[in-house]
Amino acid sequence: MAQLNLELHPDKTFIGRISRGFDVLGYWFSPQGLSVAGKTIVRMRELVRRLYEQGASSGRILCYLLLWGRWVRSGLDGVFGVGDRSGFELLVCPSFGSRCVSIADAAGEI
């Protein structure tokens, strides 16, 4: 690695037994299976709290949570084939805007 001028970052390098579990890209891998990492959930809660404290609308907070849930499912879906997503897929979040817009609302049905 020295030939490539690369260094291992101490916080991002783990050398040890994988039987103890490890997290990668927000997911926790362990002998019990795959789940969302605890740090990921803590960060999500912190961001929701910050959005609330900054006066974000409930729609914007909901939009963030729906996008976060979609991200979680995308990582677990390929492994576990997580079930029906129809309720979540009815929402379109325009570039993290001020509110989520349902497809029916966008079509003028609501």
N, C-alpha and C. Protein backbone atom coordinates (compact mmCIF):
# COMPACT_ATOMS: atom_id res chain seq x y z
N MET A 1 0.82 -1.19 0.00
CA MET A 1 0.00 0.00 0.00
C MET A 1 0.87 1.25 0.00
N ALA A 2 2.06 1.15 0.55
CA ALA A 2 2.95 2.31 0.58
C ALA A 2 3.34 2.73 -0.83
N GLN A 3 3.48 1.77 -1.72
CA GLN A 3 3.83 2.09 -3.11
C GLN A 3 2.76 2.94 -3.78
N LEU A 4 1.52 2.79 -3.35
CA LEU A 4 0.41 3.55 -3.91
C LEU A 4 0.11 4.81 -3.11
N ASN A 5 0.94 5.09 -2.10
CA ASN A 5 0.73 6.24 -1.21
C ASN A 5 -0.62 6.18 -0.52
N LEU A 6 -1.01 4.99 -0.08
CA LEU A 6 -2.28 4.80 0.62
C LEU A 6 -2.01 4.46 2.07
N GLU A 7 -2.90 4.90 2.94
CA GLU A 7 -2.80 4.59 4.36
C GLU A 7 -4.13 4.02 4.84
N LEU A 8 -4.07 3.15 5.84
CA LEU A 8 -5.29 2.64 6.46
C LEU A 8 -5.76 3.66 7.49
N HIS A 9 -7.02 4.02 7.44
CA HIS A 9 -7.58 4.95 8.42
C HIS A 9 -7.91 4.15 9.68
N PRO A 10 -7.43 4.56 10.84
CA PRO A 10 -7.64 3.76 12.06
C PRO A 10 -9.12 3.57 12.42
N ASP A 11 -9.97 4.54 12.11
CA ASP A 11 -11.39 4.40 12.43
C ASP A 11 -12.15 3.57 11.40
N LYS A 12 -11.53 3.34 10.25
CA LYS A 12 -12.22 2.63 9.17
C LYS A 12 -11.58 1.29 8.86
N THR A 13 -10.67 0.86 9.72
CA THR A 13 -9.97 -0.40 9.49
C THR A 13 -10.25 -1.32 10.67
N PHE A 14 -10.69 -2.53 10.35
CA PHE A 14 -10.95 -3.51 11.40
C PHE A 14 -10.26 -4.80 11.03
N ILE A 15 -9.38 -5.24 11.89
CA ILE A 15 -8.74 -6.53 11.70
C ILE A 15 -9.09 -7.34 12.93
N GLY A 16 -9.87 -8.37 12.73
CA GLY A 16 -10.31 -9.19 13.84
C GLY A 16 -11.27 -10.26 13.37
N ARG A 17 -11.89 -10.91 14.30
CA ARG A 17 -12.82 -12.00 13.98
C ARG A 17 -14.17 -11.43 13.54
N ILE A 18 -14.63 -11.91 12.41
CA ILE A 18 -15.93 -11.43 11.94
C ILE A 18 -17.07 -12.03 12.73
N SER A 19 -16.78 -13.04 13.54
CA SER A 19 -17.83 -13.65 14.36
C SER A 19 -18.37 -12.65 15.38
N ARG A 20 -17.62 -11.59 15.67
CA ARG A 20 -18.09 -10.56 16.59
C ARG A 20 -19.00 -9.55 15.90
N GLY A 21 -19.07 -9.59 14.59
CA GLY A 21 -19.91 -8.67 13.83
C GLY A 21 -19.14 -7.42 13.42
N PHE A 22 -19.62 -6.77 12.38
CA PHE A 22 -19.00 -5.55 11.90
C PHE A 22 -20.02 -4.76 11.09
N ASP A 23 -19.79 -3.45 10.97
CA ASP A 23 -20.71 -2.65 10.16
C ASP A 23 -20.01 -2.13 8.91
N VAL A 24 -20.78 -2.09 7.84
CA VAL A 24 -20.32 -1.60 6.54
C VAL A 24 -21.48 -0.86 5.90
N LEU A 25 -21.24 0.37 5.49
CA LEU A 25 -22.23 1.16 4.77
C LEU A 25 -23.58 1.24 5.49
N GLY A 26 -23.54 1.30 6.81
CA GLY A 26 -24.76 1.47 7.58
C GLY A 26 -25.48 0.20 7.97
N TYR A 27 -24.95 -0.94 7.58
CA TYR A 27 -25.57 -2.22 7.92
C TYR A 27 -24.64 -2.99 8.86
N TRP A 28 -25.22 -3.82 9.71
CA TRP A 28 -24.47 -4.63 10.67
C TRP A 28 -24.51 -6.08 10.22
N PHE A 29 -23.33 -6.64 10.00
CA PHE A 29 -23.19 -8.04 9.60
C PHE A 29 -22.71 -8.83 10.80
N SER A 30 -23.39 -9.93 11.11
CA SER A 30 -23.00 -10.77 12.23
C SER A 30 -23.42 -12.21 11.93
N PRO A 31 -22.98 -13.16 12.75
CA PRO A 31 -23.41 -14.54 12.54
C PRO A 31 -24.93 -14.70 12.60
N GLN A 32 -25.62 -13.78 13.30
CA GLN A 32 -27.08 -13.85 13.38
C GLN A 32 -27.75 -13.33 12.11
N GLY A 33 -27.03 -12.63 11.27
CA GLY A 33 -27.60 -12.13 10.02
C GLY A 33 -27.29 -10.67 9.79
N LEU A 34 -28.02 -10.08 8.86
CA LEU A 34 -27.83 -8.70 8.45
C LEU A 34 -28.91 -7.83 9.06
N SER A 35 -28.52 -6.66 9.55
CA SER A 35 -29.50 -5.70 10.09
C SER A 35 -28.94 -4.29 9.90
N VAL A 36 -29.72 -3.31 10.29
CA VAL A 36 -29.27 -1.93 10.24
C VAL A 36 -28.35 -1.71 11.43
N ALA A 37 -27.23 -1.05 11.20
CA ALA A 37 -26.27 -0.79 12.28
C ALA A 37 -26.86 0.16 13.31
N GLY A 38 -26.51 -0.04 14.55
CA GLY A 38 -27.00 0.82 15.62
C GLY A 38 -26.63 2.28 15.39
N LYS A 39 -25.40 2.54 14.91
CA LYS A 39 -24.97 3.92 14.64
C LYS A 39 -25.85 4.56 13.58
N THR A 40 -26.31 3.77 12.63
CA THR A 40 -27.16 4.29 11.57
C THR A 40 -28.50 4.76 12.13
N ILE A 41 -29.06 3.99 13.04
CA ILE A 41 -30.34 4.36 13.65
C ILE A 41 -30.17 5.61 14.51
N VAL A 42 -29.08 5.68 15.26
CA VAL A 42 -28.81 6.86 16.08
C VAL A 42 -28.71 8.11 15.20
N ARG A 43 -27.99 8.01 14.08
CA ARG A 43 -27.85 9.16 13.18
C ARG A 43 -29.19 9.58 12.59
N MET A 44 -30.02 8.59 12.23
CA MET A 44 -31.34 8.91 11.67
C MET A 44 -32.17 9.67 12.70
N ARG A 45 -32.17 9.20 13.94
CA ARG A 45 -32.93 9.87 15.00
C ARG A 45 -32.42 11.29 15.24
N GLU A 46 -31.09 11.45 15.20
CA GLU A 46 -30.51 12.79 15.39
C GLU A 46 -30.94 13.73 14.28
N LEU A 47 -30.95 13.25 13.05
CA LEU A 47 -31.34 14.11 11.94
C LEU A 47 -32.82 14.48 12.02
N VAL A 48 -33.66 13.53 12.41
CA VAL A 48 -35.09 13.85 12.57
C VAL A 48 -35.27 14.89 13.66
N ARG A 49 -34.54 14.74 14.75
CA ARG A 49 -34.62 15.73 15.84
C ARG A 49 -34.16 17.10 15.35
N ARG A 50 -33.05 17.14 14.59
CA ARG A 50 -32.56 18.42 14.07
C ARG A 50 -33.56 19.06 13.12
N LEU A 51 -34.14 18.25 12.23
CA LEU A 51 -35.15 18.78 11.31
C LEU A 51 -36.31 19.40 12.09
N TYR A 52 -36.76 18.69 13.14
CA TYR A 52 -37.86 19.19 13.96
C TYR A 52 -37.48 20.51 14.64
N GLU A 53 -36.28 20.54 15.23
CA GLU A 53 -35.84 21.74 15.93
C GLU A 53 -35.68 22.93 14.99
N GLN A 54 -35.37 22.67 13.72
CA GLN A 54 -35.21 23.74 12.74
C GLN A 54 -36.54 24.16 12.13
N GLY A 55 -37.62 23.55 12.60
CA GLY A 55 -38.95 23.94 12.13
C GLY A 55 -39.38 23.31 10.82
N ALA A 56 -38.77 22.19 10.47
CA ALA A 56 -39.17 21.50 9.24
C ALA A 56 -40.62 21.05 9.36
N SER A 57 -41.32 21.08 8.25
CA SER A 57 -42.71 20.64 8.26
C SER A 57 -42.78 19.14 8.53
N SER A 58 -43.94 18.69 9.00
CA SER A 58 -44.10 17.26 9.22
C SER A 58 -43.97 16.50 7.91
N GLY A 59 -44.35 17.14 6.81
CA GLY A 59 -44.20 16.51 5.50
C GLY A 59 -42.76 16.27 5.13
N ARG A 60 -41.90 17.24 5.44
CA ARG A 60 -40.48 17.06 5.12
C ARG A 60 -39.87 15.97 5.98
N ILE A 61 -40.24 15.93 7.25
CA ILE A 61 -39.73 14.88 8.14
C ILE A 61 -40.22 13.52 7.67
N LEU A 62 -41.50 13.44 7.30
CA LEU A 62 -42.04 12.19 6.78
C LEU A 62 -41.30 11.77 5.51
N CYS A 63 -41.03 12.72 4.65
CA CYS A 63 -40.32 12.43 3.42
C CYS A 63 -38.94 11.83 3.72
N TYR A 64 -38.21 12.44 4.66
CA TYR A 64 -36.91 11.91 5.05
C TYR A 64 -37.04 10.48 5.56
N LEU A 65 -38.02 10.24 6.43
CA LEU A 65 -38.19 8.91 7.00
C LEU A 65 -38.55 7.88 5.93
N LEU A 66 -39.36 8.28 4.97
CA LEU A 66 -39.72 7.36 3.89
C LEU A 66 -38.51 7.05 3.02
N LEU A 67 -37.71 8.06 2.71
CA LEU A 67 -36.50 7.81 1.93
C LEU A 67 -35.52 6.95 2.71
N TRP A 68 -35.39 7.20 4.01
CA TRP A 68 -34.51 6.40 4.85
C TRP A 68 -34.98 4.94 4.87
N GLY A 69 -36.30 4.76 5.01
CA GLY A 69 -36.86 3.41 5.00
C GLY A 69 -36.62 2.71 3.67
N ARG A 70 -36.71 3.45 2.59
CA ARG A 70 -36.44 2.87 1.27
C ARG A 70 -34.98 2.43 1.17
N TRP A 71 -34.08 3.26 1.70
CA TRP A 71 -32.66 2.91 1.70
C TRP A 71 -32.43 1.63 2.52
N VAL A 72 -33.04 1.56 3.70
CA VAL A 72 -32.89 0.37 4.55
C VAL A 72 -33.37 -0.87 3.80
N ARG A 73 -34.56 -0.78 3.22
CA ARG A 73 -35.11 -1.93 2.50
C ARG A 73 -34.25 -2.32 1.30
N SER A 74 -33.66 -1.34 0.63
CA SER A 74 -32.85 -1.66 -0.55
C SER A 74 -31.67 -2.54 -0.17
N GLY A 75 -31.10 -2.33 1.00
CA GLY A 75 -29.99 -3.15 1.44
C GLY A 75 -30.42 -4.51 1.93
N LEU A 76 -31.59 -4.59 2.54
CA LEU A 76 -32.06 -5.86 3.08
C LEU A 76 -32.82 -6.67 2.05
N ASP A 77 -33.40 -6.01 1.07
CA ASP A 77 -34.26 -6.66 0.09
C ASP A 77 -33.54 -7.76 -0.68
N GLY A 78 -32.32 -7.47 -1.13
CA GLY A 78 -31.58 -8.46 -1.91
C GLY A 78 -31.20 -9.68 -1.10
N VAL A 79 -31.08 -9.51 0.20
CA VAL A 79 -30.69 -10.62 1.07
C VAL A 79 -31.91 -11.39 1.57
N PHE A 80 -32.92 -10.67 2.02
CA PHE A 80 -34.07 -11.31 2.65
C PHE A 80 -35.33 -11.28 1.81
N GLY A 81 -35.35 -10.54 0.71
CA GLY A 81 -36.57 -10.40 -0.08
C GLY A 81 -37.68 -9.79 0.74
N VAL A 82 -37.40 -8.67 1.40
CA VAL A 82 -38.37 -8.00 2.26
C VAL A 82 -39.67 -7.82 1.51
N GLY A 83 -40.78 -8.05 2.20
CA GLY A 83 -42.11 -8.14 1.61
C GLY A 83 -42.65 -6.94 0.87
N ASP A 84 -43.95 -6.79 0.95
CA ASP A 84 -44.72 -5.81 0.19
C ASP A 84 -44.27 -4.39 0.49
N ARG A 85 -44.01 -3.63 -0.57
CA ARG A 85 -43.59 -2.24 -0.42
C ARG A 85 -44.64 -1.28 -0.97
N SER A 86 -45.81 -1.76 -1.28
CA SER A 86 -46.78 -0.93 -1.99
C SER A 86 -47.11 0.36 -1.24
N GLY A 87 -47.20 0.33 0.07
CA GLY A 87 -47.52 1.54 0.82
C GLY A 87 -46.47 2.62 0.67
N PHE A 88 -45.21 2.23 0.67
CA PHE A 88 -44.14 3.19 0.53
C PHE A 88 -43.99 3.67 -0.91
N GLU A 89 -44.24 2.78 -1.84
CA GLU A 89 -44.03 3.14 -3.24
C GLU A 89 -45.09 4.07 -3.77
N LEU A 90 -46.14 4.35 -3.00
CA LEU A 90 -47.16 5.30 -3.44
C LEU A 90 -46.72 6.75 -3.25
N LEU A 91 -45.56 6.94 -2.64
CA LEU A 91 -45.10 8.30 -2.37
C LEU A 91 -43.93 8.67 -3.25
N VAL A 92 -43.94 9.89 -3.69
CA VAL A 92 -42.85 10.43 -4.48
C VAL A 92 -42.30 11.61 -3.70
N CYS A 93 -41.02 11.61 -3.37
CA CYS A 93 -40.43 12.70 -2.61
C CYS A 93 -39.58 13.54 -3.55
N PRO A 94 -40.09 14.67 -4.00
CA PRO A 94 -39.36 15.48 -4.97
C PRO A 94 -38.12 16.12 -4.35
N SER A 95 -36.98 15.56 -4.65
CA SER A 95 -35.66 16.08 -4.25
C SER A 95 -35.64 16.65 -2.83
N PHE A 96 -36.16 15.88 -1.90
CA PHE A 96 -36.16 16.24 -0.49
C PHE A 96 -36.77 17.62 -0.28
N GLY A 97 -37.86 17.85 -0.95
CA GLY A 97 -38.53 19.15 -0.88
C GLY A 97 -39.22 19.36 0.45
N SER A 98 -40.08 20.34 0.49
CA SER A 98 -40.72 20.70 1.75
C SER A 98 -41.81 19.72 2.15
N ARG A 99 -42.29 18.91 1.22
CA ARG A 99 -43.31 17.92 1.59
C ARG A 99 -43.31 16.78 0.59
N CYS A 100 -43.84 15.66 1.00
CA CYS A 100 -44.02 14.54 0.09
C CYS A 100 -45.34 14.73 -0.63
N VAL A 101 -45.41 14.29 -1.83
CA VAL A 101 -46.62 14.42 -2.62
C VAL A 101 -47.06 13.03 -3.02
N SER A 102 -48.28 12.67 -2.67
CA SER A 102 -48.76 11.36 -3.10
C SER A 102 -49.07 11.41 -4.58
N ILE A 103 -49.03 10.28 -5.23
CA ILE A 103 -49.32 10.21 -6.66
C ILE A 103 -50.73 10.70 -6.92
N ALA A 104 -51.67 10.34 -6.05
CA ALA A 104 -53.06 10.77 -6.22
C ALA A 104 -53.16 12.29 -6.11
N ASP A 105 -52.44 12.88 -5.15
CA ASP A 105 -52.45 14.33 -4.98
C ASP A 105 -51.88 15.02 -6.20
N ALA A 106 -50.79 14.48 -6.72
CA ALA A 106 -50.16 15.07 -7.90
C ALA A 106 -51.09 15.01 -9.11
N ALA A 107 -51.94 14.00 -9.15
CA ALA A 107 -52.87 13.86 -10.27
C ALA A 107 -54.14 14.67 -10.04
N GLY A 108 -54.24 15.35 -8.91
CA GLY A 108 -55.40 16.19 -8.63
C GLY A 108 -56.60 15.43 -8.08
N GLU A 109 -56.37 14.21 -7.60
CA GLU A 109 -57.48 13.40 -7.09
C GLU A 109 -57.75 13.67 -5.62
N ILE A 110 -56.88 14.40 -4.94
CA ILE A 110 -57.09 14.69 -3.52
C ILE A 110 -57.28 16.17 -3.34
